[in-house]
N, C-alpha and C. Protein backbone atom coordinates (compact mmCIF):
# COMPACT_ATOMS: atom_id res chain seq x y z
N UNK A 1 156.77 136.56 11.88
CA UNK A 1 156.94 135.22 12.26
C UNK A 1 157.75 135.01 13.52
N UNK A 2 157.26 134.15 14.36
CA UNK A 2 158.01 133.95 15.65
C UNK A 2 159.13 132.93 15.42
N UNK A 3 160.15 132.92 16.23
CA UNK A 3 161.24 132.01 16.07
C UNK A 3 161.14 130.93 17.10
N UNK A 4 160.69 129.68 16.70
CA UNK A 4 160.52 128.59 17.66
C UNK A 4 161.84 128.16 18.38
N UNK A 5 162.91 128.26 17.69
CA UNK A 5 164.21 127.88 18.31
C UNK A 5 164.55 128.88 19.38
N UNK A 6 164.30 130.19 19.13
CA UNK A 6 164.62 131.23 20.06
C UNK A 6 163.70 131.06 21.39
N UNK A 7 162.46 130.64 21.16
CA UNK A 7 161.58 130.39 22.27
C UNK A 7 162.08 129.25 23.17
N UNK A 8 162.57 128.19 22.47
CA UNK A 8 163.11 127.01 23.18
C UNK A 8 164.33 127.40 24.07
N UNK A 9 165.18 128.17 23.33
CA UNK A 9 166.43 128.63 24.11
C UNK A 9 166.06 129.44 25.31
N UNK A 10 165.11 130.40 25.08
CA UNK A 10 164.65 131.24 26.31
C UNK A 10 164.03 130.35 27.30
N UNK A 11 163.22 129.36 26.95
CA UNK A 11 162.52 128.49 27.97
C UNK A 11 163.58 127.74 28.76
N UNK A 12 164.60 127.24 28.01
CA UNK A 12 165.75 126.55 28.74
C UNK A 12 166.49 127.42 29.64
N UNK A 13 166.75 128.69 29.24
CA UNK A 13 167.48 129.58 30.16
C UNK A 13 166.60 129.91 31.29
N UNK A 14 165.30 130.09 31.17
CA UNK A 14 164.41 130.34 32.32
C UNK A 14 164.34 129.15 33.31
N UNK A 15 164.43 127.99 32.75
CA UNK A 15 164.35 126.78 33.54
C UNK A 15 165.63 126.72 34.47
N UNK A 16 166.77 127.02 33.91
CA UNK A 16 168.03 126.98 34.66
C UNK A 16 168.05 127.90 35.79
N UNK A 17 167.43 129.06 35.65
CA UNK A 17 167.38 130.04 36.77
C UNK A 17 166.19 129.94 37.60
N UNK A 18 165.28 129.10 37.34
CA UNK A 18 163.98 129.05 38.01
C UNK A 18 164.07 128.58 39.47
N UNK A 19 165.08 127.86 39.85
CA UNK A 19 165.28 127.36 41.16
C UNK A 19 165.72 128.48 42.20
N UNK A 20 166.17 129.54 41.66
CA UNK A 20 166.73 130.61 42.52
C UNK A 20 165.60 131.17 43.41
N UNK A 21 165.90 131.27 44.68
CA UNK A 21 164.99 131.79 45.57
C UNK A 21 164.01 130.75 46.20
N UNK A 22 164.19 129.56 45.83
CA UNK A 22 163.22 128.46 46.26
C UNK A 22 163.97 127.51 47.18
N UNK A 23 163.20 126.56 47.69
CA UNK A 23 163.85 125.49 48.56
C UNK A 23 165.02 124.69 47.78
N UNK A 24 164.92 124.70 46.45
CA UNK A 24 165.84 123.96 45.73
C UNK A 24 167.16 124.73 45.67
N UNK A 25 167.14 126.00 45.92
CA UNK A 25 168.24 126.90 45.63
C UNK A 25 169.53 126.37 46.32
N UNK A 26 169.46 126.05 47.60
CA UNK A 26 170.66 125.56 48.31
C UNK A 26 171.28 124.22 47.79
N UNK A 27 170.31 123.34 47.38
CA UNK A 27 170.79 122.09 46.80
C UNK A 27 171.34 122.06 45.48
N UNK A 28 170.81 123.00 44.71
CA UNK A 28 171.20 123.02 43.24
C UNK A 28 172.34 124.05 43.02
N UNK A 29 172.70 124.82 43.93
CA UNK A 29 173.86 125.82 43.78
C UNK A 29 175.12 125.03 43.77
N UNK A 30 175.94 125.28 42.82
CA UNK A 30 177.17 124.59 42.62
C UNK A 30 178.17 125.19 43.51
N UNK A 31 178.89 124.49 44.38
CA UNK A 31 179.96 125.06 45.23
C UNK A 31 181.13 125.48 44.34
N UNK A 32 181.81 126.46 44.77
CA UNK A 32 183.03 126.85 44.13
C UNK A 32 184.13 125.83 44.41
N UNK A 33 184.72 125.32 43.35
CA UNK A 33 185.68 124.23 43.50
C UNK A 33 187.08 124.86 43.40
N UNK A 34 187.96 124.29 44.28
CA UNK A 34 189.29 124.65 44.20
C UNK A 34 189.99 124.14 42.97
N UNK A 35 191.04 124.81 42.39
CA UNK A 35 191.72 124.31 41.29
C UNK A 35 192.75 123.29 41.80
N UNK A 36 192.95 122.35 40.88
CA UNK A 36 193.93 121.29 41.18
C UNK A 36 194.90 121.23 40.11
N UNK A 37 196.19 121.33 40.42
CA UNK A 37 197.22 121.26 39.35
C UNK A 37 197.42 119.90 38.84
N UNK A 38 197.42 118.89 39.63
CA UNK A 38 197.64 117.50 39.19
C UNK A 38 196.64 116.63 39.87
N UNK A 39 195.84 115.92 39.12
CA UNK A 39 194.90 115.01 39.73
C UNK A 39 195.62 113.74 40.30
N UNK A 40 195.23 113.32 41.44
CA UNK A 40 195.84 112.15 42.04
C UNK A 40 195.40 110.94 41.24
N UNK A 41 196.24 109.96 41.16
CA UNK A 41 195.83 108.65 40.63
C UNK A 41 194.96 107.90 41.54
N UNK A 42 193.74 107.48 41.07
CA UNK A 42 192.78 106.91 41.91
C UNK A 42 192.20 105.65 41.24
N UNK A 43 191.85 104.67 41.90
CA UNK A 43 191.16 103.51 41.33
C UNK A 43 189.72 103.57 41.89
N UNK A 44 188.78 103.05 41.18
CA UNK A 44 187.41 103.08 41.73
C UNK A 44 187.37 102.17 42.96
N UNK A 45 186.43 102.51 43.87
CA UNK A 45 186.30 101.74 45.08
C UNK A 45 185.80 100.37 44.87
N UNK A 46 186.19 99.50 45.81
CA UNK A 46 185.75 98.05 45.77
C UNK A 46 184.49 98.00 46.53
N UNK A 47 183.40 97.68 45.83
CA UNK A 47 182.12 97.60 46.51
C UNK A 47 181.65 96.19 46.90
N UNK A 48 182.56 95.23 46.81
CA UNK A 48 182.29 93.90 47.14
C UNK A 48 181.86 93.82 48.63
N UNK A 49 180.92 93.04 48.93
CA UNK A 49 180.35 92.88 50.32
C UNK A 49 180.50 91.45 50.71
N UNK A 50 181.63 91.09 51.11
CA UNK A 50 181.98 89.66 51.51
C UNK A 50 181.16 89.17 52.66
N UNK A 51 180.65 90.12 53.55
CA UNK A 51 179.89 89.68 54.70
C UNK A 51 178.46 89.85 54.47
N UNK A 52 177.96 89.73 53.27
CA UNK A 52 176.57 90.07 52.89
C UNK A 52 175.55 89.23 53.65
N UNK A 53 175.95 87.94 53.96
CA UNK A 53 175.06 87.10 54.63
C UNK A 53 174.78 87.54 56.02
N UNK A 54 175.79 87.93 56.82
CA UNK A 54 175.65 88.41 58.14
C UNK A 54 174.91 89.77 58.11
N UNK A 55 175.22 90.59 57.17
CA UNK A 55 174.49 91.91 57.04
C UNK A 55 173.01 91.67 56.89
N UNK A 56 172.67 90.81 55.95
CA UNK A 56 171.27 90.45 55.74
C UNK A 56 170.60 90.03 57.06
N UNK A 57 171.19 89.10 57.77
CA UNK A 57 170.64 88.47 58.91
C UNK A 57 170.48 89.50 60.08
N UNK A 58 171.38 90.54 60.09
CA UNK A 58 171.37 91.59 61.17
C UNK A 58 170.61 92.80 60.71
N UNK A 59 170.21 92.88 59.48
CA UNK A 59 169.43 94.04 59.00
C UNK A 59 170.35 95.26 58.66
N UNK A 60 171.65 95.03 58.43
CA UNK A 60 172.52 96.11 58.06
C UNK A 60 172.46 96.33 56.62
N UNK A 61 172.99 97.52 56.27
CA UNK A 61 173.06 97.88 54.84
C UNK A 61 173.95 96.96 54.06
N UNK A 62 173.58 96.70 52.80
CA UNK A 62 174.53 95.96 51.93
C UNK A 62 175.51 96.75 51.22
N UNK A 63 175.45 98.08 51.41
CA UNK A 63 176.49 98.97 50.83
C UNK A 63 177.61 98.99 51.87
N UNK A 64 178.74 98.67 51.51
CA UNK A 64 179.87 98.61 52.52
C UNK A 64 180.28 100.00 52.97
N UNK A 65 181.01 100.08 54.04
CA UNK A 65 181.44 101.32 54.62
C UNK A 65 182.44 101.93 53.59
N UNK A 66 182.18 103.09 53.14
CA UNK A 66 183.00 103.79 52.12
C UNK A 66 183.42 105.16 52.63
N UNK A 67 184.63 105.65 52.24
CA UNK A 67 185.05 106.92 52.59
C UNK A 67 184.38 107.99 51.64
N UNK A 68 183.04 108.20 51.86
CA UNK A 68 182.29 109.09 50.99
C UNK A 68 182.58 110.60 51.29
N UNK A 69 182.45 111.31 50.23
CA UNK A 69 182.62 112.78 50.37
C UNK A 69 181.22 113.31 50.88
N UNK A 70 181.19 113.60 52.15
CA UNK A 70 179.93 113.88 52.84
C UNK A 70 179.13 115.03 52.26
N UNK A 71 179.73 116.06 51.80
CA UNK A 71 178.97 117.16 51.23
C UNK A 71 178.21 116.72 49.93
N UNK A 72 178.93 115.99 49.09
CA UNK A 72 178.27 115.52 47.96
C UNK A 72 177.19 114.44 48.19
N UNK A 73 177.48 113.54 49.12
CA UNK A 73 176.44 112.55 49.56
C UNK A 73 175.17 113.22 50.03
N UNK A 74 175.34 114.18 50.95
CA UNK A 74 174.20 114.86 51.51
C UNK A 74 173.44 115.64 50.52
N UNK A 75 174.14 116.19 49.58
CA UNK A 75 173.53 117.06 48.53
C UNK A 75 172.65 116.13 47.58
N UNK A 76 173.25 115.03 47.22
CA UNK A 76 172.53 114.06 46.37
C UNK A 76 171.28 113.46 47.02
N UNK A 77 171.45 113.09 48.26
CA UNK A 77 170.26 112.47 49.08
C UNK A 77 169.26 113.61 49.27
N UNK A 78 169.63 114.82 49.52
CA UNK A 78 168.78 115.91 49.72
C UNK A 78 167.90 116.22 48.50
N UNK A 79 168.49 116.17 47.33
CA UNK A 79 167.76 116.37 46.10
C UNK A 79 166.79 115.20 45.89
N UNK A 80 167.34 113.99 46.03
CA UNK A 80 166.51 112.78 45.82
C UNK A 80 165.23 112.82 46.81
N UNK A 81 165.56 113.21 48.09
CA UNK A 81 164.44 113.14 49.10
C UNK A 81 163.36 114.23 48.76
N UNK A 82 163.66 115.29 48.03
CA UNK A 82 162.69 116.28 47.70
C UNK A 82 161.80 116.01 46.50
N UNK A 83 162.13 114.94 45.84
CA UNK A 83 161.25 114.50 44.70
C UNK A 83 160.04 113.73 45.26
N UNK A 84 158.99 113.77 44.48
CA UNK A 84 157.71 113.27 44.98
C UNK A 84 157.23 112.16 44.09
N UNK A 85 156.47 111.20 44.69
CA UNK A 85 155.95 110.03 43.96
C UNK A 85 154.53 110.34 43.39
N UNK A 86 154.43 110.51 42.08
CA UNK A 86 153.13 110.95 41.55
C UNK A 86 152.11 109.77 41.45
N UNK A 87 152.54 108.60 41.51
CA UNK A 87 151.61 107.46 41.39
C UNK A 87 151.19 106.80 42.72
N UNK A 88 151.44 107.53 43.81
CA UNK A 88 151.12 107.07 45.17
C UNK A 88 150.10 108.04 45.74
N UNK A 89 149.07 107.53 46.40
CA UNK A 89 148.08 108.48 46.96
C UNK A 89 148.71 109.41 47.97
N UNK A 90 148.44 110.68 47.89
CA UNK A 90 148.98 111.70 48.75
C UNK A 90 150.35 112.20 48.21
N UNK A 91 150.82 111.69 47.11
CA UNK A 91 152.10 112.07 46.45
C UNK A 91 153.19 112.43 47.52
N UNK A 92 153.62 111.43 48.25
CA UNK A 92 154.62 111.67 49.34
C UNK A 92 156.00 112.00 48.70
N UNK A 93 156.79 112.67 49.51
CA UNK A 93 158.16 112.93 49.16
C UNK A 93 158.96 111.65 49.33
N UNK A 94 160.07 111.46 48.69
CA UNK A 94 160.85 110.29 48.83
C UNK A 94 161.54 110.20 50.26
N UNK A 95 161.61 111.33 50.84
CA UNK A 95 162.14 111.36 52.30
C UNK A 95 161.26 110.54 53.14
N UNK A 96 159.94 110.49 52.83
CA UNK A 96 159.01 109.73 53.62
C UNK A 96 158.80 108.33 53.05
N UNK A 97 158.89 108.17 51.71
CA UNK A 97 158.41 106.93 51.16
C UNK A 97 159.57 105.98 50.74
N UNK A 98 160.76 106.49 50.52
CA UNK A 98 161.80 105.62 49.95
C UNK A 98 162.37 104.75 51.06
N UNK A 99 162.65 103.52 50.78
CA UNK A 99 163.35 102.59 51.82
C UNK A 99 164.84 103.01 51.96
N UNK A 100 165.31 102.87 53.20
CA UNK A 100 166.71 103.17 53.50
C UNK A 100 167.66 102.29 52.67
N UNK A 101 167.30 101.11 52.20
CA UNK A 101 168.15 100.26 51.36
C UNK A 101 168.51 101.01 50.05
N UNK A 102 167.59 101.79 49.46
CA UNK A 102 167.89 102.49 48.20
C UNK A 102 168.61 103.80 48.55
N UNK A 103 168.18 104.45 49.61
CA UNK A 103 168.86 105.68 50.06
C UNK A 103 170.33 105.46 50.25
N UNK A 104 170.71 104.27 50.78
CA UNK A 104 172.14 104.00 50.99
C UNK A 104 172.83 103.94 49.67
N UNK A 105 172.24 103.45 48.63
CA UNK A 105 172.85 103.52 47.30
C UNK A 105 172.92 104.84 46.69
N UNK A 106 171.87 105.68 46.96
CA UNK A 106 171.94 107.05 46.52
C UNK A 106 173.05 107.75 47.15
N UNK A 107 173.23 107.61 48.45
CA UNK A 107 174.35 108.26 49.23
C UNK A 107 175.68 107.85 48.69
N UNK A 108 175.85 106.58 48.44
CA UNK A 108 177.10 106.03 47.94
C UNK A 108 177.42 106.63 46.57
N UNK A 109 176.44 106.57 45.71
CA UNK A 109 176.64 107.05 44.35
C UNK A 109 177.00 108.50 44.27
N UNK A 110 176.22 109.36 44.91
CA UNK A 110 176.53 110.78 44.90
C UNK A 110 177.73 111.11 45.67
N UNK A 111 177.95 110.33 46.84
CA UNK A 111 179.09 110.64 47.67
C UNK A 111 180.40 110.14 47.22
N UNK A 112 180.37 109.54 46.06
CA UNK A 112 181.62 108.99 45.45
C UNK A 112 182.30 110.00 44.56
N UNK A 113 181.73 111.19 44.43
CA UNK A 113 182.31 112.20 43.55
C UNK A 113 183.21 113.07 44.39
N UNK A 114 184.47 113.07 44.08
CA UNK A 114 185.47 113.96 44.74
C UNK A 114 185.16 115.39 44.27
N UNK A 115 184.80 116.35 45.21
CA UNK A 115 184.39 117.69 44.71
C UNK A 115 185.57 118.49 44.21
N UNK A 116 186.82 118.08 44.56
CA UNK A 116 188.04 118.84 44.10
C UNK A 116 188.47 118.31 42.79
N UNK A 117 188.71 117.05 42.60
CA UNK A 117 189.25 116.55 41.38
C UNK A 117 188.15 116.21 40.28
N UNK A 118 186.92 116.12 40.77
CA UNK A 118 185.77 115.73 39.98
C UNK A 118 185.90 114.29 39.55
N UNK A 119 186.68 113.47 40.22
CA UNK A 119 186.77 112.04 39.86
C UNK A 119 185.67 111.31 40.64
N UNK A 120 184.96 110.48 39.87
CA UNK A 120 183.88 109.69 40.56
C UNK A 120 184.38 108.25 40.85
N UNK A 121 184.30 107.89 42.05
CA UNK A 121 184.85 106.56 42.46
C UNK A 121 183.88 105.44 42.08
N UNK A 122 182.53 105.77 42.04
CA UNK A 122 181.51 104.80 41.60
C UNK A 122 180.94 105.26 40.31
N UNK A 123 181.09 104.49 39.21
CA UNK A 123 180.72 105.08 37.97
C UNK A 123 179.41 104.43 37.42
N UNK A 124 179.01 103.26 38.05
CA UNK A 124 177.84 102.53 37.57
C UNK A 124 177.11 102.03 38.80
N UNK A 125 175.80 101.83 38.68
CA UNK A 125 174.99 101.27 39.76
C UNK A 125 174.11 100.11 39.11
N UNK A 126 174.23 98.96 39.65
CA UNK A 126 173.37 97.89 39.25
C UNK A 126 172.73 97.23 40.48
N UNK A 127 171.42 97.41 40.54
CA UNK A 127 170.75 96.86 41.68
C UNK A 127 169.87 95.57 41.26
N UNK A 128 170.36 94.53 41.85
CA UNK A 128 169.61 93.19 41.61
C UNK A 128 168.70 92.98 42.76
N UNK A 129 167.51 93.31 42.63
CA UNK A 129 166.53 93.34 43.69
C UNK A 129 165.27 92.59 43.17
N UNK A 130 164.58 91.90 44.04
CA UNK A 130 163.35 91.14 43.68
C UNK A 130 162.29 92.12 43.03
N UNK A 131 161.39 91.48 42.35
CA UNK A 131 160.24 92.25 41.74
C UNK A 131 159.45 92.96 42.83
N UNK A 132 158.79 94.05 42.37
CA UNK A 132 157.88 94.82 43.18
C UNK A 132 158.50 95.46 44.42
N UNK A 133 159.72 95.98 44.25
CA UNK A 133 160.43 96.70 45.35
C UNK A 133 160.73 98.16 44.91
N UNK A 134 160.08 98.66 43.90
CA UNK A 134 160.24 100.10 43.47
C UNK A 134 161.53 100.40 42.79
N UNK A 135 162.17 99.28 42.17
CA UNK A 135 163.40 99.64 41.54
C UNK A 135 163.25 100.64 40.36
N UNK A 136 162.23 100.46 39.56
CA UNK A 136 162.00 101.31 38.38
C UNK A 136 161.71 102.72 38.86
N UNK A 137 160.83 102.85 39.80
CA UNK A 137 160.39 104.14 40.36
C UNK A 137 161.67 104.86 40.93
N UNK A 138 162.30 104.13 41.78
CA UNK A 138 163.51 104.77 42.51
C UNK A 138 164.62 105.04 41.47
N UNK A 139 164.81 104.18 40.56
CA UNK A 139 165.85 104.34 39.50
C UNK A 139 165.55 105.59 38.70
N UNK A 140 164.27 105.71 38.26
CA UNK A 140 163.97 106.91 37.45
C UNK A 140 164.17 108.25 38.24
N UNK A 141 163.85 108.25 39.52
CA UNK A 141 164.00 109.45 40.32
C UNK A 141 165.48 109.68 40.72
N UNK A 142 166.23 108.63 40.82
CA UNK A 142 167.68 108.80 40.93
C UNK A 142 168.28 109.42 39.72
N UNK A 143 167.79 109.10 38.61
CA UNK A 143 168.28 109.68 37.24
C UNK A 143 167.87 111.08 37.24
N UNK A 144 166.69 111.49 37.72
CA UNK A 144 166.23 112.85 37.68
C UNK A 144 167.07 113.68 38.70
N UNK A 145 167.43 113.10 39.88
CA UNK A 145 168.23 113.77 40.82
C UNK A 145 169.68 114.02 40.22
N UNK A 146 170.18 113.03 39.45
CA UNK A 146 171.47 113.19 38.84
C UNK A 146 171.41 114.32 37.81
N UNK A 147 170.33 114.32 37.02
CA UNK A 147 170.12 115.39 36.06
C UNK A 147 170.17 116.80 36.71
N UNK A 148 169.47 116.85 37.82
CA UNK A 148 169.30 118.20 38.51
C UNK A 148 170.67 118.69 39.06
N UNK A 149 171.47 117.81 39.61
CA UNK A 149 172.80 118.34 40.18
C UNK A 149 173.95 118.15 39.27
N UNK A 150 173.70 117.75 38.13
CA UNK A 150 174.87 117.57 37.19
C UNK A 150 175.53 118.93 36.95
N UNK A 151 176.89 118.88 36.90
CA UNK A 151 177.72 120.03 36.66
C UNK A 151 178.23 120.07 35.22
N UNK A 152 178.04 119.04 34.54
CA UNK A 152 178.69 118.93 33.20
C UNK A 152 177.65 119.25 32.14
N UNK A 153 177.91 120.33 31.34
CA UNK A 153 176.94 120.71 30.31
C UNK A 153 176.88 119.54 29.26
N UNK A 154 175.71 119.25 28.72
CA UNK A 154 175.49 118.33 27.68
C UNK A 154 175.96 116.88 28.10
N UNK A 155 175.98 116.59 29.32
CA UNK A 155 176.43 115.22 29.72
C UNK A 155 175.40 114.19 29.31
N UNK A 156 175.88 113.11 28.81
CA UNK A 156 174.88 111.99 28.44
C UNK A 156 174.42 111.26 29.63
N UNK A 157 173.15 111.01 29.73
CA UNK A 157 172.61 110.19 30.75
C UNK A 157 171.81 109.09 30.07
N UNK A 158 171.89 107.88 30.49
CA UNK A 158 171.30 106.75 29.78
C UNK A 158 170.47 105.96 30.88
N UNK A 159 169.22 105.82 30.64
CA UNK A 159 168.35 105.07 31.48
C UNK A 159 167.82 103.92 30.55
N UNK A 160 168.08 102.74 30.88
CA UNK A 160 167.67 101.61 30.13
C UNK A 160 166.60 100.73 30.79
N UNK A 161 165.89 99.97 30.06
CA UNK A 161 164.83 99.10 30.64
C UNK A 161 164.74 97.87 29.73
N UNK A 162 164.31 96.76 30.31
CA UNK A 162 164.34 95.44 29.58
C UNK A 162 163.12 95.42 28.46
N UNK A 163 162.08 96.16 28.81
CA UNK A 163 160.93 96.18 27.92
C UNK A 163 160.36 97.57 27.81
N UNK A 164 159.59 97.85 26.81
CA UNK A 164 158.96 99.10 26.64
C UNK A 164 158.07 99.62 27.79
N UNK A 165 157.27 98.68 28.42
CA UNK A 165 156.43 98.99 29.49
C UNK A 165 157.21 99.55 30.76
N UNK A 166 158.36 99.01 31.00
CA UNK A 166 159.17 99.47 32.08
C UNK A 166 159.76 100.79 31.80
N UNK A 167 160.25 100.97 30.55
CA UNK A 167 160.76 102.29 30.08
C UNK A 167 159.73 103.32 30.22
N UNK A 168 158.46 103.06 29.79
CA UNK A 168 157.35 103.99 29.93
C UNK A 168 157.11 104.34 31.36
N UNK A 169 157.12 103.34 32.24
CA UNK A 169 156.90 103.60 33.59
C UNK A 169 158.01 104.54 34.23
N UNK A 170 159.20 104.31 33.81
CA UNK A 170 160.27 105.15 34.38
C UNK A 170 160.21 106.63 33.94
N UNK A 171 159.93 106.76 32.67
CA UNK A 171 159.66 108.13 32.13
C UNK A 171 158.50 108.81 32.72
N UNK A 172 157.40 108.03 32.93
CA UNK A 172 156.17 108.58 33.53
C UNK A 172 156.44 108.96 34.98
N UNK A 173 157.24 108.20 35.70
CA UNK A 173 157.59 108.48 37.08
C UNK A 173 158.37 109.79 37.21
N UNK A 174 159.34 109.95 36.35
CA UNK A 174 160.17 111.16 36.35
C UNK A 174 159.31 112.36 35.93
N UNK A 175 158.51 112.20 34.88
CA UNK A 175 157.61 113.33 34.43
C UNK A 175 156.60 113.70 35.48
N UNK A 176 156.07 112.70 36.18
CA UNK A 176 155.06 112.99 37.28
C UNK A 176 155.80 113.75 38.43
N UNK A 177 156.97 113.43 38.78
CA UNK A 177 157.60 114.08 39.91
C UNK A 177 157.97 115.58 39.47
N UNK A 178 158.39 115.71 38.21
CA UNK A 178 158.60 117.03 37.78
C UNK A 178 157.39 117.87 37.76
N UNK A 179 156.20 117.37 37.32
CA UNK A 179 154.90 118.01 37.33
C UNK A 179 154.50 118.41 38.74
N UNK A 180 154.84 117.66 39.75
CA UNK A 180 154.39 118.02 41.07
C UNK A 180 155.16 119.05 41.80
N UNK A 181 156.25 119.51 41.23
CA UNK A 181 157.09 120.45 41.83
C UNK A 181 156.94 121.80 41.02
N UNK A 182 156.53 122.91 41.66
CA UNK A 182 156.33 124.15 40.85
C UNK A 182 157.59 124.67 40.29
N UNK A 183 158.79 124.43 40.75
CA UNK A 183 160.10 124.89 40.29
C UNK A 183 160.50 124.09 39.13
N UNK A 184 160.37 122.73 39.33
CA UNK A 184 160.84 121.81 38.19
C UNK A 184 159.83 121.81 36.99
């Protein structure tokens, strides 16, 4: 008799090492972190955008200027940009298809992680955007990017939706992007 649990464990172990030697290798390799004896006291960043009206009128980003950790921000955007849209003709990469307005949020979210202390300055993301602007699609792929570069074993990730149809769309988007990549 074969052991189904053993097969699942082996499949998971194979999946963890599958990215080695591929274009994902550089993005998914965890950098060696320096040890810190005492973590500094930090408060989450203030993301209020008091000049939102002038930013909208001039076409500037609504994400305020933040002291991002560049290596983490670049890594997060790099993984996000390599994901593909399975429900769009030609299945383009997000690097080509995603709007800069969302990429600014991706950069801020991933760039808020201090690589030394592992303290995250931005802990939640809430995007209040009009209908039909790819919020569900981009949000699902942001979650997939977060899962791919996560350093914490068994970390909980929660993706919520207001109705079942939206939840199904998000899961379908993530699954489609995974299916389009031979490594994932």
